[in-house]
Amino acid sequence: MNPTIKDVAQKANVSIATVSRVLHNLGGYSDKTKQKVDQTIKELKYQPNAIARGLINKRTQTIGVLFPDVSSAFSSDLLHGIDEFVHDRNYSVMVCNTDQDGKRTLKYLQLLREKQVDGIIFSSEVLKKEYYDMLESMKVPVVLVSSQTDYANVPYVKVDDYQAAYDAVHYLITKGHRRIGMISGTKGDPIAGTPRVEGYRKALEAQGIAFDSRYLVYGDFSYESGCRAMEAILRRTPEVTAVFAASDQMAIGALSTVTKHGMNVPEDISIMGYDDLRLARMVNPPLTTVRQPLYDIGMIASEKLIGMIETGEPAKSQICTHSIVERESVRAIT
């Protein structure tokens, strides 16, 4: 016979509720009690039964995570933080790839409803009314990551995209650059597109530099679009001395294109990214970039979601701190 939670409680001389709290990392017990319960679990080779737990607390201990591009380095860094936190709380993660334009989002929400997930982390996409209505009908909490919404009961965790882009461009200006190109994300994207373009324009304006629409080229946050956009900048505005890309992947694409043209970064042109993906320190030269703490954002979003699942209480939105990470892809000019 497999040992039960009751067997663990009896042998450890504690209540079933205490064993349950230890298993779920819920606190309310001493370190000594935790050690005793953990030791008893090991001795009895007790395996918590997820199905039985679910019948008791009406939960599956599973959360759904929706990304527009699961394969991207951005999603990978976020997911690392999400998974780290939920694993420690004995939850599992079900990852869904919604595709760039969200055409699979409703399909995956329906799947997550059927799988009876306890909550959902919704990343990098606008929470359209049709998605919100479905989430409401599912009656599960949701937290947005790198996105935001006006729905009062949906908290979000992100950086201030406008301010982060403003600070990046201001940094380039302090290095002596005045002819600064920008590779933006998807045109009209209200989350990571428009606010970053606005930050770029306002930073130029604040230093008396006129905005030139020829210096602004749109990509879609991917490496390939960064390559294409940099080709356009070199062709249309070869006088540019620095380029700010709205994602590290586009910045790395731009760097690759510059090298292909026989030019050097930063000697011939400076390039600055946005995200601080792990990739940013691996390229040559290592990329100067705006850091959004993606791992931390993933952890914070998970903490908020599990708090909402387990207490039924709402959570507050949180703007995380960005910073400039200086490496070797930007040089000062006089």
C-alpha atoms as a PDB file:
ATOM      1  CA  MET A   1       0.000   0.000   0.000  1.00  0.00           C
ATOM      2  CA  ASN A   2       1.206   3.505  -0.803  1.00  0.00           C
ATOM      3  CA  PRO A   3       1.546   5.681   2.305  1.00  0.00           C
ATOM      4  CA  THR A   4      -1.044   8.460   2.702  1.00  0.00           C
ATOM      5  CA  ILE A   5      -0.814  11.995   4.032  1.00  0.00           C
ATOM      6  CA  LYS A   6      -2.478  10.643   7.201  1.00  0.00           C
ATOM      7  CA  ASP A   7       0.402   8.167   7.672  1.00  0.00           C
ATOM      8  CA  VAL A   8       2.919  11.017   7.340  1.00  0.00           C
ATOM      9  CA  ALA A   9       1.010  13.137   9.894  1.00  0.00           C
ATOM     10  CA  GLN A  10       0.826  10.265  12.412  1.00  0.00           C
ATOM     11  CA  LYS A  11       4.501   9.319  12.140  1.00  0.00           C
ATOM     12  CA  ALA A  12       5.656  12.970  12.312  1.00  0.00           C
ATOM     13  CA  ASN A  13       3.205  13.611  15.175  1.00  0.00           C
ATOM     14  CA  VAL A  14       1.645  16.652  13.473  1.00  0.00           C
ATOM     15  CA  SER A  15      -1.770  17.381  11.958  1.00  0.00           C
ATOM     16  CA  ILE A  16      -2.708  16.528   8.355  1.00  0.00           C
ATOM     17  CA  ALA A  17      -3.143  20.301   7.791  1.00  0.00           C
ATOM     18  CA  THR A  18       0.491  20.909   8.810  1.00  0.00           C
ATOM     19  CA  VAL A  19       1.760  18.252   6.379  1.00  0.00           C
ATOM     20  CA  SER A  20      -0.361  19.888   3.643  1.00  0.00           C
ATOM     21  CA  ARG A  21       1.090  23.335   4.450  1.00  0.00           C
ATOM     22  CA  VAL A  22       4.650  21.985   4.282  1.00  0.00           C
ATOM     23  CA  LEU A  23       3.927  20.300   0.929  1.00  0.00           C
ATOM     24  CA  HIS A  24       2.557  23.583  -0.484  1.00  0.00           C
ATOM     25  CA  ASN A  25       5.238  25.855   1.086  1.00  0.00           C
ATOM     26  CA  LEU A  26       2.467  27.854   2.756  1.00  0.00           C
ATOM     27  CA  GLY A  27       4.295  28.682   5.999  1.00  0.00           C
ATOM     28  CA  GLY A  28       2.811  28.769   9.492  1.00  0.00           C
ATOM     29  CA  TYR A  29       5.177  26.169  10.975  1.00  0.00           C
ATOM     30  CA  SER A  30       8.682  26.135  12.458  1.00  0.00           C
ATOM     31  CA  ASP A  31      11.855  25.028  10.648  1.00  0.00           C
ATOM     32  CA  LYS A  32      12.036  22.100  13.073  1.00  0.00           C
ATOM     33  CA  THR A  33       8.513  20.964  12.080  1.00  0.00           C
ATOM     34  CA  LYS A  34       9.348  21.297   8.383  1.00  0.00           C
ATOM     35  CA  GLN A  35      12.500  19.184   8.805  1.00  0.00           C
ATOM     36  CA  LYS A  36      10.534  16.519  10.726  1.00  0.00           C
ATOM     37  CA  VAL A  37       7.780  16.372   8.056  1.00  0.00           C
ATOM     38  CA  ASP A  38      10.316  16.323   5.175  1.00  0.00           C
ATOM     39  CA  GLN A  39      12.272  13.526   6.873  1.00  0.00           C
ATOM     40  CA  THR A  40       9.084  11.474   7.429  1.00  0.00           C
ATOM     41  CA  ILE A  41       8.050  11.936   3.776  1.00  0.00           C
ATOM     42  CA  LYS A  42      11.473  10.637   2.739  1.00  0.00           C
ATOM     43  CA  GLU A  43      11.383   7.684   5.144  1.00  0.00           C
ATOM     44  CA  LEU A  44       7.873   6.616   4.095  1.00  0.00           C
ATOM     45  CA  LYS A  45       8.598   7.350   0.412  1.00  0.00           C
ATOM     46  CA  TYR A  46       5.340   9.320   0.342  1.00  0.00           C
ATOM     47  CA  GLN A  47       4.301  10.606  -3.116  1.00  0.00           C
ATOM     48  CA  PRO A  48       1.628  13.354  -3.055  1.00  0.00           C
ATOM     49  CA  ASN A  49      -1.194  12.374  -5.376  1.00  0.00           C
ATOM     50  CA  ALA A  50      -2.036  15.313  -7.633  1.00  0.00           C
ATOM     51  CA  ILE A  51      -5.415  13.878  -8.581  1.00  0.00           C
ATOM     52  CA  ALA A  52      -6.423  13.285  -4.968  1.00  0.00           C
ATOM     53  CA  ARG A  53      -5.204  16.770  -4.014  1.00  0.00           C
ATOM     54  CA  GLY A  54      -7.251  18.209  -6.851  1.00  0.00           C
ATOM     55  CA  LEU A  55     -10.398  16.459  -5.640  1.00  0.00           C
ATOM     56  CA  ILE A  56      -9.920  17.964  -2.186  1.00  0.00           C
ATOM     57  CA  ASN A  57      -9.075  21.553  -3.130  1.00  0.00           C
ATOM     58  CA  LYS A  58     -10.769  21.616  -6.573  1.00  0.00           C
ATOM     59  CA  ARG A  59      -7.431  22.506  -8.155  1.00  0.00           C
ATOM     60  CA  THR A  60      -5.204  20.816 -10.725  1.00  0.00           C
ATOM     61  CA  GLN A  61      -1.983  22.563  -9.552  1.00  0.00           C
ATOM     62  CA  THR A  62      -1.441  23.594 -13.190  1.00  0.00           C
ATOM     63  CA  ILE A  63      -1.125  27.046 -14.732  1.00  0.00           C
ATOM     64  CA  GLY A  64      -1.296  27.939 -18.417  1.00  0.00           C
ATOM     65  CA  VAL A  65       1.260  30.294 -19.982  1.00  0.00           C
ATOM     66  CA  LEU A  66       0.571  31.866 -23.376  1.00  0.00           C
ATOM     67  CA  PHE A  67       3.440  33.252 -25.493  1.00  0.00           C
ATOM     68  CA  PRO A  68       3.241  34.617 -29.060  1.00  0.00           C
ATOM     69  CA  ASP A  69       6.569  32.927 -29.872  1.00  0.00           C
ATOM     70  CA  VAL A  70       7.675  30.139 -27.556  1.00  0.00           C
ATOM     71  CA  SER A  71      10.970  29.695 -29.417  1.00  0.00           C
ATOM     72  CA  SER A  72      12.168  33.277 -28.851  1.00  0.00           C
ATOM     73  CA  ALA A  73      14.960  34.043 -26.391  1.00  0.00           C
ATOM     74  CA  PHE A  74      12.620  36.609 -24.783  1.00  0.00           C
ATOM     75  CA  SER A  75      10.008  33.916 -24.001  1.00  0.00           C
ATOM     76  CA  SER A  76      12.730  31.552 -22.795  1.00  0.00           C
ATOM     77  CA  ASP A  77      14.096  34.060 -20.250  1.00  0.00           C
ATOM     78  CA  LEU A  78      10.586  34.872 -18.972  1.00  0.00           C
ATOM     79  CA  LEU A  79       9.607  31.218 -18.760  1.00  0.00           C
ATOM     80  CA  HIS A  80      12.722  30.455 -16.737  1.00  0.00           C
ATOM     81  CA  GLY A  81      11.476  32.827 -13.994  1.00  0.00           C
ATOM     82  CA  ILE A  82       7.887  31.548 -14.186  1.00  0.00           C
ATOM     83  CA  ASP A  83       8.884  27.898 -13.988  1.00  0.00           C
ATOM     84  CA  GLU A  84      11.336  28.450 -11.142  1.00  0.00           C
ATOM     85  CA  PHE A  85       8.649  29.966  -8.911  1.00  0.00           C
ATOM     86  CA  VAL A  86       5.742  27.647  -9.726  1.00  0.00           C
ATOM     87  CA  HIS A  87       7.924  24.535  -9.386  1.00  0.00           C
ATOM     88  CA  ASP A  88       8.793  25.569  -5.818  1.00  0.00           C
ATOM     89  CA  ARG A  89       5.065  25.818  -5.091  1.00  0.00           C
ATOM     90  CA  ASN A  90       4.288  22.358  -6.529  1.00  0.00           C
ATOM     91  CA  TYR A  91       2.527  23.661  -9.626  1.00  0.00           C
ATOM     92  CA  SER A  92       3.113  22.545 -13.213  1.00  0.00           C
ATOM     93  CA  VAL A  93       3.244  24.764 -16.295  1.00  0.00           C
ATOM     94  CA  MET A  94       1.423  24.213 -19.575  1.00  0.00           C
ATOM     95  CA  VAL A  95       2.978  26.402 -22.303  1.00  0.00           C
ATOM     96  CA  CYS A  96       0.978  27.479 -25.371  1.00  0.00           C
ATOM     97  CA  ASN A  97       2.400  29.108 -28.520  1.00  0.00           C
ATOM     98  CA  THR A  98      -0.273  31.576 -29.697  1.00  0.00           C
ATOM     99  CA  ASP A  99       1.642  32.710 -32.819  1.00  0.00           C
ATOM    100  CA  GLN A 100       2.619  36.291 -33.626  1.00  0.00           C
ATOM    101  CA  ASP A 101      -0.827  37.624 -34.516  1.00  0.00           C
ATOM    102  CA  GLY A 102      -2.607  35.676 -31.785  1.00  0.00           C
ATOM    103  CA  LYS A 103      -4.601  33.570 -34.234  1.00  0.00           C
ATOM    104  CA  ARG A 104      -4.346  30.550 -31.957  1.00  0.00           C
ATOM    105  CA  THR A 105      -5.115  32.377 -28.715  1.00  0.00           C
ATOM    106  CA  LEU A 106      -8.821  31.500 -28.483  1.00  0.00           C
ATOM    107  CA  LYS A 107      -8.089  27.887 -29.395  1.00  0.00           C
ATOM    108  CA  TYR A 108      -5.537  27.615 -26.605  1.00  0.00           C
ATOM    109  CA  LEU A 109      -7.789  29.344 -24.080  1.00  0.00           C
ATOM    110  CA  GLN A 110     -10.414  26.717 -24.879  1.00  0.00           C
ATOM    111  CA  LEU A 111      -7.801  23.970 -24.372  1.00  0.00           C
ATOM    112  CA  LEU A 112      -6.758  25.457 -21.015  1.00  0.00           C
ATOM    113  CA  ARG A 113     -10.433  25.571 -19.999  1.00  0.00           C
ATOM    114  CA  GLU A 114     -10.757  21.841 -20.827  1.00  0.00           C
ATOM    115  CA  LYS A 115      -7.570  21.069 -18.889  1.00  0.00           C
ATOM    116  CA  GLN A 116      -9.053  23.008 -15.938  1.00  0.00           C
ATOM    117  CA  VAL A 117      -5.921  25.044 -15.243  1.00  0.00           C
ATOM    118  CA  ASP A 118      -5.995  27.052 -12.021  1.00  0.00           C
ATOM    119  CA  GLY A 119      -4.762  30.304 -13.575  1.00  0.00           C
ATOM    120  CA  ILE A 120      -3.174  31.839 -16.663  1.00  0.00           C
ATOM    121  CA  ILE A 121      -0.134  34.006 -17.411  1.00  0.00           C
ATOM    122  CA  PHE A 122      -0.736  35.915 -20.626  1.00  0.00           C
ATOM    123  CA  SER A 123       2.412  37.342 -22.219  1.00  0.00           C
ATOM    124  CA  SER A 124       3.302  40.064 -24.743  1.00  0.00           C
ATOM    125  CA  GLU A 125      -0.097  40.344 -26.370  1.00  0.00           C
ATOM    126  CA  VAL A 126      -3.025  42.754 -26.136  1.00  0.00           C
ATOM    127  CA  LEU A 127      -5.817  41.332 -23.987  1.00  0.00           C
ATOM    128  CA  LYS A 128      -8.636  41.694 -26.523  1.00  0.00           C
ATOM    129  CA  LYS A 129     -12.242  41.768 -25.340  1.00  0.00           C
ATOM    130  CA  GLU A 130     -12.929  38.296 -26.773  1.00  0.00           C
ATOM    131  CA  TYR A 131     -10.016  36.870 -24.751  1.00  0.00           C
ATOM    132  CA  TYR A 132     -11.131  38.691 -21.606  1.00  0.00           C
ATOM    133  CA  ASP A 133     -14.718  37.437 -21.989  1.00  0.00           C
ATOM    134  CA  MET A 134     -13.500  33.859 -22.292  1.00  0.00           C
ATOM    135  CA  LEU A 135     -11.220  34.222 -19.256  1.00  0.00           C
ATOM    136  CA  GLU A 136     -14.137  35.648 -17.275  1.00  0.00           C
ATOM    137  CA  SER A 137     -16.302  32.668 -18.213  1.00  0.00           C
ATOM    138  CA  MET A 138     -13.486  30.303 -17.138  1.00  0.00           C
ATOM    139  CA  LYS A 139     -13.493  31.955 -13.702  1.00  0.00           C
ATOM    140  CA  VAL A 140      -9.714  31.633 -13.275  1.00  0.00           C
ATOM    141  CA  PRO A 141      -7.313  34.428 -12.351  1.00  0.00           C
ATOM    142  CA  VAL A 142      -5.011  35.859 -15.025  1.00  0.00           C
ATOM    143  CA  VAL A 143      -1.830  37.961 -14.857  1.00  0.00           C
ATOM    144  CA  LEU A 144      -0.405  39.819 -17.860  1.00  0.00           C
ATOM    145  CA  VAL A 145       3.336  39.904 -18.498  1.00  0.00           C
ATOM    146  CA  SER A 146       4.995  42.575 -20.693  1.00  0.00           C
ATOM    147  CA  SER A 147       1.508  43.798 -21.538  1.00  0.00           C
ATOM    148  CA  GLN A 148      -1.118  45.892 -19.801  1.00  0.00           C
ATOM    149  CA  THR A 149      -4.843  46.467 -19.742  1.00  0.00           C
ATOM    150  CA  ASP A 150      -7.549  48.721 -18.296  1.00  0.00           C
ATOM    151  CA  TYR A 151      -9.507  45.758 -16.916  1.00  0.00           C
ATOM    152  CA  ALA A 152      -9.332  46.433 -13.176  1.00  0.00           C
ATOM    153  CA  ASN A 153      -9.301  42.763 -12.143  1.00  0.00           C
ATOM    154  CA  VAL A 154      -6.357  41.826 -14.396  1.00  0.00           C
ATOM    155  CA  PRO A 155      -2.965  42.766 -12.900  1.00  0.00           C
ATOM    156  CA  TYR A 156       0.123  43.156 -15.095  1.00  0.00           C
ATOM    157  CA  VAL A 157       3.883  43.007 -14.569  1.00  0.00           C
ATOM    158  CA  LYS A 158       6.101  44.965 -16.971  1.00  0.00           C
ATOM    159  CA  VAL A 159       8.631  47.772 -17.299  1.00  0.00           C
ATOM    160  CA  ASP A 160       7.717  51.314 -18.342  1.00  0.00           C
ATOM    161  CA  ASP A 161       8.384  50.909 -22.079  1.00  0.00           C
ATOM    162  CA  TYR A 162       8.147  54.635 -22.848  1.00  0.00           C
ATOM    163  CA  GLN A 163      10.636  55.601 -20.124  1.00  0.00           C
ATOM    164  CA  ALA A 164      13.008  52.722 -20.917  1.00  0.00           C
ATOM    165  CA  ALA A 165      13.211  53.756 -24.601  1.00  0.00           C
ATOM    166  CA  TYR A 166      13.581  57.420 -23.595  1.00  0.00           C
ATOM    167  CA  ASP A 167      16.497  56.518 -21.289  1.00  0.00           C
ATOM    168  CA  ALA A 168      18.176  54.426 -24.027  1.00  0.00           C
ATOM    169  CA  VAL A 169      18.090  57.251 -26.564  1.00  0.00           C
ATOM    170  CA  HIS A 170      19.139  59.810 -23.929  1.00  0.00           C
ATOM    171  CA  TYR A 171      22.130  57.553 -23.165  1.00  0.00           C
ATOM    172  CA  LEU A 172      23.153  57.584 -26.860  1.00  0.00           C
ATOM    173  CA  ILE A 173      22.811  61.388 -26.932  1.00  0.00           C
ATOM    174  CA  THR A 174      25.083  61.698 -23.865  1.00  0.00           C
ATOM    175  CA  LYS A 175      27.655  59.690 -25.858  1.00  0.00           C
ATOM    176  CA  GLY A 176      27.639  62.454 -28.485  1.00  0.00           C
ATOM    177  CA  HIS A 177      25.234  60.869 -31.009  1.00  0.00           C
ATOM    178  CA  ARG A 178      22.675  63.107 -32.723  1.00  0.00           C
ATOM    179  CA  ARG A 179      21.894  61.155 -35.898  1.00  0.00           C
ATOM    180  CA  ILE A 180      20.187  58.230 -34.185  1.00  0.00           C
ATOM    181  CA  GLY A 181      18.155  55.655 -36.088  1.00  0.00           C
ATOM    182  CA  MET A 182      15.539  53.416 -34.498  1.00  0.00           C
ATOM    183  CA  ILE A 183      14.421  49.910 -35.401  1.00  0.00           C
ATOM    184  CA  SER A 184      10.970  49.693 -33.853  1.00  0.00           C
ATOM    185  CA  GLY A 185       8.852  46.643 -33.164  1.00  0.00           C
ATOM    186  CA  THR A 186       5.586  46.023 -34.983  1.00  0.00           C
ATOM    187  CA  LYS A 187       3.967  49.234 -36.220  1.00  0.00           C
ATOM    188  CA  GLY A 188       0.940  50.190 -34.137  1.00  0.00           C
ATOM    189  CA  ASP A 189       1.668  47.627 -31.408  1.00  0.00           C
ATOM    190  CA  PRO A 190       0.224  49.454 -28.358  1.00  0.00           C
ATOM    191  CA  ILE A 191       2.258  47.436 -25.839  1.00  0.00           C
ATOM    192  CA  ALA A 192       5.916  47.363 -26.933  1.00  0.00           C
ATOM    193  CA  GLY A 193       5.703  49.245 -30.240  1.00  0.00           C
ATOM    194  CA  THR A 194       4.171  52.721 -29.929  1.00  0.00           C
ATOM    195  CA  PRO A 195       5.414  53.519 -26.360  1.00  0.00           C
ATOM    196  CA  ARG A 196       9.041  52.806 -27.334  1.00  0.00           C
ATOM    197  CA  VAL A 197       8.761  54.958 -30.484  1.00  0.00           C
ATOM    198  CA  GLU A 198       7.279  57.752 -28.356  1.00  0.00           C
ATOM    199  CA  GLY A 199      10.192  57.454 -25.908  1.00  0.00           C
ATOM    200  CA  TYR A 200      12.647  57.697 -28.828  1.00  0.00           C
ATOM    201  CA  ARG A 201      10.951  60.798 -30.255  1.00  0.00           C
ATOM    202  CA  LYS A 202      10.630  62.573 -26.900  1.00  0.00           C
ATOM    203  CA  ALA A 203      14.280  61.934 -25.967  1.00  0.00           C
ATOM    204  CA  LEU A 204      15.376  63.527 -29.257  1.00  0.00           C
ATOM    205  CA  GLU A 205      12.979  66.449 -28.759  1.00  0.00           C
ATOM    206  CA  ALA A 206      14.231  67.057 -25.195  1.00  0.00           C
ATOM    207  CA  GLN A 207      17.744  67.652 -26.619  1.00  0.00           C
ATOM    208  CA  GLY A 208      16.543  69.838 -29.490  1.00  0.00           C
ATOM    209  CA  ILE A 209      17.080  67.135 -32.151  1.00  0.00           C
ATOM    210  CA  ALA A 210      14.426  67.149 -34.862  1.00  0.00           C
ATOM    211  CA  PHE A 211      12.683  63.814 -35.527  1.00  0.00           C
ATOM    212  CA  ASP A 212      13.366  62.531 -39.049  1.00  0.00           C
ATOM    213  CA  SER A 213      10.914  59.835 -40.176  1.00  0.00           C
ATOM    214  CA  ARG A 214      13.601  58.349 -42.476  1.00  0.00           C
ATOM    215  CA  TYR A 215      15.529  57.323 -39.366  1.00  0.00           C
ATOM    216  CA  LEU A 216      12.641  55.203 -38.053  1.00  0.00           C
ATOM    217  CA  VAL A 217      12.262  51.702 -39.539  1.00  0.00           C
ATOM    218  CA  TYR A 218       9.782  49.052 -38.396  1.00  0.00           C
ATOM    219  CA  GLY A 219      10.564  45.391 -37.716  1.00  0.00           C
ATOM    220  CA  ASP A 220       8.649  42.750 -35.754  1.00  0.00           C
ATOM    221  CA  PHE A 221      11.072  42.135 -32.840  1.00  0.00           C
ATOM    222  CA  SER A 222      12.743  39.186 -34.642  1.00  0.00           C
ATOM    223  CA  TYR A 223      16.398  38.767 -35.678  1.00  0.00           C
ATOM    224  CA  GLU A 224      15.442  38.598 -39.395  1.00  0.00           C
ATOM    225  CA  SER A 225      13.478  41.852 -39.227  1.00  0.00           C
ATOM    226  CA  GLY A 226      16.494  43.519 -37.553  1.00  0.00           C
ATOM    227  CA  CYS A 227      18.653  42.451 -40.516  1.00  0.00           C
ATOM    228  CA  ARG A 228      16.136  43.870 -43.014  1.00  0.00           C
ATOM    229  CA  ALA A 229      15.650  47.120 -41.098  1.00  0.00           C
ATOM    230  CA  MET A 230      19.407  47.731 -40.833  1.00  0.00           C
ATOM    231  CA  GLU A 231      19.750  47.213 -44.605  1.00  0.00           C
ATOM    232  CA  ALA A 232      17.116  49.940 -45.055  1.00  0.00           C
ATOM    233  CA  ILE A 233      18.896  52.323 -42.648  1.00  0.00           C
ATOM    234  CA  LEU A 234      22.289  51.858 -44.355  1.00  0.00           C
ATOM    235  CA  ARG A 235      20.679  52.408 -47.742  1.00  0.00           C
ATOM    236  CA  ARG A 236      18.470  55.402 -46.871  1.00  0.00           C
ATOM    237  CA  THR A 237      20.422  57.189 -44.148  1.00  0.00           C
ATOM    238  CA  PRO A 238      24.098  56.156 -44.196  1.00  0.00           C
ATOM    239  CA  GLU A 239      24.957  59.216 -42.073  1.00  0.00           C
ATOM    240  CA  VAL A 240      23.405  57.594 -38.946  1.00  0.00           C
ATOM    241  CA  THR A 241      26.010  57.125 -36.180  1.00  0.00           C
ATOM    242  CA  ALA A 242      23.909  55.058 -33.760  1.00  0.00           C
ATOM    243  CA  VAL A 243      20.885  52.760 -33.913  1.00  0.00           C
ATOM    244  CA  PHE A 244      18.518  51.927 -31.066  1.00  0.00           C
ATOM    245  CA  ALA A 245      16.656  48.642 -31.658  1.00  0.00           C
ATOM    246  CA  ALA A 246      13.476  47.894 -29.675  1.00  0.00           C
ATOM    247  CA  SER A 247      14.584  44.306 -28.991  1.00  0.00           C
ATOM    248  CA  ASP A 248      17.929  42.571 -28.550  1.00  0.00           C
ATOM    249  CA  GLN A 249      17.080  40.108 -31.306  1.00  0.00           C
ATOM    250  CA  MET A 250      16.602  42.969 -33.783  1.00  0.00           C
ATOM    251  CA  ALA A 251      19.787  44.637 -32.488  1.00  0.00           C
ATOM    252  CA  ILE A 252      21.740  41.411 -33.086  1.00  0.00           C
ATOM    253  CA  GLY A 253      20.253  41.239 -36.598  1.00  0.00           C
ATOM    254  CA  ALA A 254      21.384  44.828 -37.173  1.00  0.00           C
ATOM    255  CA  LEU A 255      24.880  44.028 -35.871  1.00  0.00           C
ATOM    256  CA  SER A 256      25.113  41.070 -38.233  1.00  0.00           C
ATOM    257  CA  THR A 257      24.100  43.226 -41.220  1.00  0.00           C
ATOM    258  CA  VAL A 258      26.639  45.941 -40.382  1.00  0.00           C
ATOM    259  CA  THR A 259      29.396  43.306 -40.191  1.00  0.00           C
ATOM    260  CA  LYS A 260      28.271  41.819 -43.518  1.00  0.00           C
ATOM    261  CA  HIS A 261      28.776  45.269 -45.085  1.00  0.00           C
ATOM    262  CA  GLY A 262      32.397  45.292 -43.910  1.00  0.00           C
ATOM    263  CA  MET A 263      31.764  47.840 -41.160  1.00  0.00           C
ATOM    264  CA  ASN A 264      32.651  47.546 -37.488  1.00  0.00           C
ATOM    265  CA  VAL A 265      30.553  48.041 -34.346  1.00  0.00           C
ATOM    266  CA  PRO A 266      31.045  50.375 -32.548  1.00  0.00           C
ATOM    267  CA  GLU A 267      33.869  52.030 -34.549  1.00  0.00           C
ATOM    268  CA  ASP A 268      31.702  52.779 -37.614  1.00  0.00           C
ATOM    269  CA  ILE A 269      28.244  52.673 -36.039  1.00  0.00           C
ATOM    270  CA  SER A 270      26.942  52.129 -32.494  1.00  0.00           C
ATOM    271  CA  ILE A 271      24.076  49.696 -31.818  1.00  0.00           C
ATOM    272  CA  MET A 272      21.944  49.486 -28.687  1.00  0.00           C
ATOM    273  CA  GLY A 273      19.334  46.847 -27.868  1.00  0.00           C
ATOM    274  CA  TYR A 274      16.396  46.376 -25.508  1.00  0.00           C
ATOM    275  CA  ASP A 275      15.662  43.392 -23.173  1.00  0.00           C
ATOM    276  CA  ASP A 276      19.114  42.187 -22.010  1.00  0.00           C
ATOM    277  CA  LEU A 277      18.553  38.631 -23.153  1.00  0.00           C
ATOM    278  CA  ARG A 278      21.275  36.109 -22.297  1.00  0.00           C
ATOM    279  CA  LEU A 279      22.209  36.329 -25.992  1.00  0.00           C
ATOM    280  CA  ALA A 280      23.192  40.002 -25.570  1.00  0.00           C
ATOM    281  CA  ARG A 281      26.409  39.149 -23.735  1.00  0.00           C
ATOM    282  CA  MET A 282      27.291  36.302 -26.110  1.00  0.00           C
ATOM    283  CA  VAL A 283      27.521  38.290 -29.363  1.00  0.00           C
ATOM    284  CA  ASN A 284      30.639  40.088 -30.556  1.00  0.00           C
ATOM    285  CA  PRO A 285      30.884  42.847 -29.518  1.00  0.00           C
ATOM    286  CA  PRO A 286      28.715  42.252 -26.428  1.00  0.00           C
ATOM    287  CA  LEU A 287      25.558  44.354 -26.721  1.00  0.00           C
ATOM    288  CA  THR A 288      24.859  47.526 -24.769  1.00  0.00           C
ATOM    289  CA  THR A 289      21.145  47.341 -24.007  1.00  0.00           C
ATOM    290  CA  VAL A 290      18.188  48.278 -21.834  1.00  0.00           C
ATOM    291  CA  ARG A 291      17.642  45.570 -19.257  1.00  0.00           C
ATOM    292  CA  GLN A 292      14.146  44.425 -18.462  1.00  0.00           C
ATOM    293  CA  PRO A 293      14.493  41.912 -15.633  1.00  0.00           C
ATOM    294  CA  LEU A 294      12.678  39.127 -17.515  1.00  0.00           C
ATOM    295  CA  TYR A 295      13.490  36.354 -15.040  1.00  0.00           C
ATOM    296  CA  ASP A 296      12.245  38.533 -12.149  1.00  0.00           C
ATOM    297  CA  ILE A 297       9.143  39.584 -14.117  1.00  0.00           C
ATOM    298  CA  GLY A 298       8.332  35.886 -14.623  1.00  0.00           C
ATOM    299  CA  MET A 299       8.836  35.162 -10.906  1.00  0.00           C
ATOM    300  CA  ILE A 300       6.712  38.151  -9.801  1.00  0.00           C
ATOM    301  CA  ALA A 301       3.878  37.279 -12.215  1.00  0.00           C
ATOM    302  CA  SER A 302       3.850  33.677 -10.915  1.00  0.00           C
ATOM    303  CA  GLU A 303       3.826  34.842  -7.311  1.00  0.00           C
ATOM    304  CA  LYS A 304       0.866  37.144  -7.997  1.00  0.00           C
ATOM    305  CA  LEU A 305      -1.034  34.441  -9.878  1.00  0.00           C
ATOM    306  CA  ILE A 306      -0.544  31.725  -7.249  1.00  0.00           C
ATOM    307  CA  GLY A 307      -1.504  34.229  -4.540  1.00  0.00           C
ATOM    308  CA  MET A 308      -4.758  34.923  -6.422  1.00  0.00           C
ATOM    309  CA  ILE A 309      -5.405  31.176  -6.917  1.00  0.00           C
ATOM    310  CA  GLU A 310      -4.856  30.273  -3.285  1.00  0.00           C
ATOM    311  CA  THR A 311      -6.446  33.251  -1.518  1.00  0.00           C
ATOM    312  CA  GLY A 312      -9.055  34.427  -4.017  1.00  0.00           C
ATOM    313  CA  GLU A 313      -7.792  37.969  -3.375  1.00  0.00           C
ATOM    314  CA  PRO A 314      -6.972  40.397  -6.230  1.00  0.00           C
ATOM    315  CA  ALA A 315      -3.344  41.371  -6.929  1.00  0.00           C
ATOM    316  CA  LYS A 316      -1.873  44.778  -7.776  1.00  0.00           C
ATOM    317  CA  SER A 317      -0.069  45.546 -11.035  1.00  0.00           C
ATOM    318  CA  GLN A 318       3.660  46.175 -10.841  1.00  0.00           C
ATOM    319  CA  ILE A 319       6.063  48.241 -12.937  1.00  0.00           C
ATOM    320  CA  CYS A 320       9.552  46.737 -12.678  1.00  0.00           C
ATOM    321  CA  THR A 321      12.763  48.751 -12.801  1.00  0.00           C
ATOM    322  CA  HIS A 322      14.714  48.872 -16.056  1.00  0.00           C
ATOM    323  CA  SER A 323      18.390  49.804 -16.334  1.00  0.00           C
ATOM    324  CA  ILE A 324      21.045  50.493 -18.960  1.00  0.00           C
ATOM    325  CA  VAL A 325      23.633  47.717 -19.278  1.00  0.00           C
ATOM    326  CA  GLU A 326      26.856  49.105 -20.786  1.00  0.00           C
ATOM    327  CA  ARG A 327      28.876  46.633 -22.802  1.00  0.00           C
ATOM    328  CA  GLU A 328      30.893  47.231 -25.968  1.00  0.00           C
ATOM    329  CA  SER A 329      28.547  48.063 -28.867  1.00  0.00           C
ATOM    330  CA  VAL A 330      28.291  51.823 -28.247  1.00  0.00           C
ATOM    331  CA  ARG A 331      31.135  54.325 -28.437  1.00  0.00           C
ATOM    332  CA  ALA A 332      31.336  57.968 -27.525  1.00  0.00           C
ATOM    333  CA  ILE A 333      31.836  60.415 -30.392  1.00  0.00           C
ATOM    334  CA  THR A 334      32.863  64.054 -30.233  1.00  0.00           C
END
